[in-house]
Amino acid sequence: MMKMLLELGNKYAKNSSWKDFALTKICLFSMGIAVGTQAWGWECRRRECTYSGW
């Protein structure tokens, strides 16, 4: 299974340009920012939201 995924990745890399890799990197960075901001201490209950971070 892992060997097949690596082969598919290699095939994608051969057919891709630097623009494809740049867009992929930007998307992964943006997803990391989005997840990182949600991982902090916001706790919302029925009517109030409190921030327990920092």
Foldseek 3Di string as FASTA:
>chain_A
DVVVVVVVVVVVVVVDDVVVVVVVVVVVVVVVVVVVVVPAAWDDDDPDIDGPGD
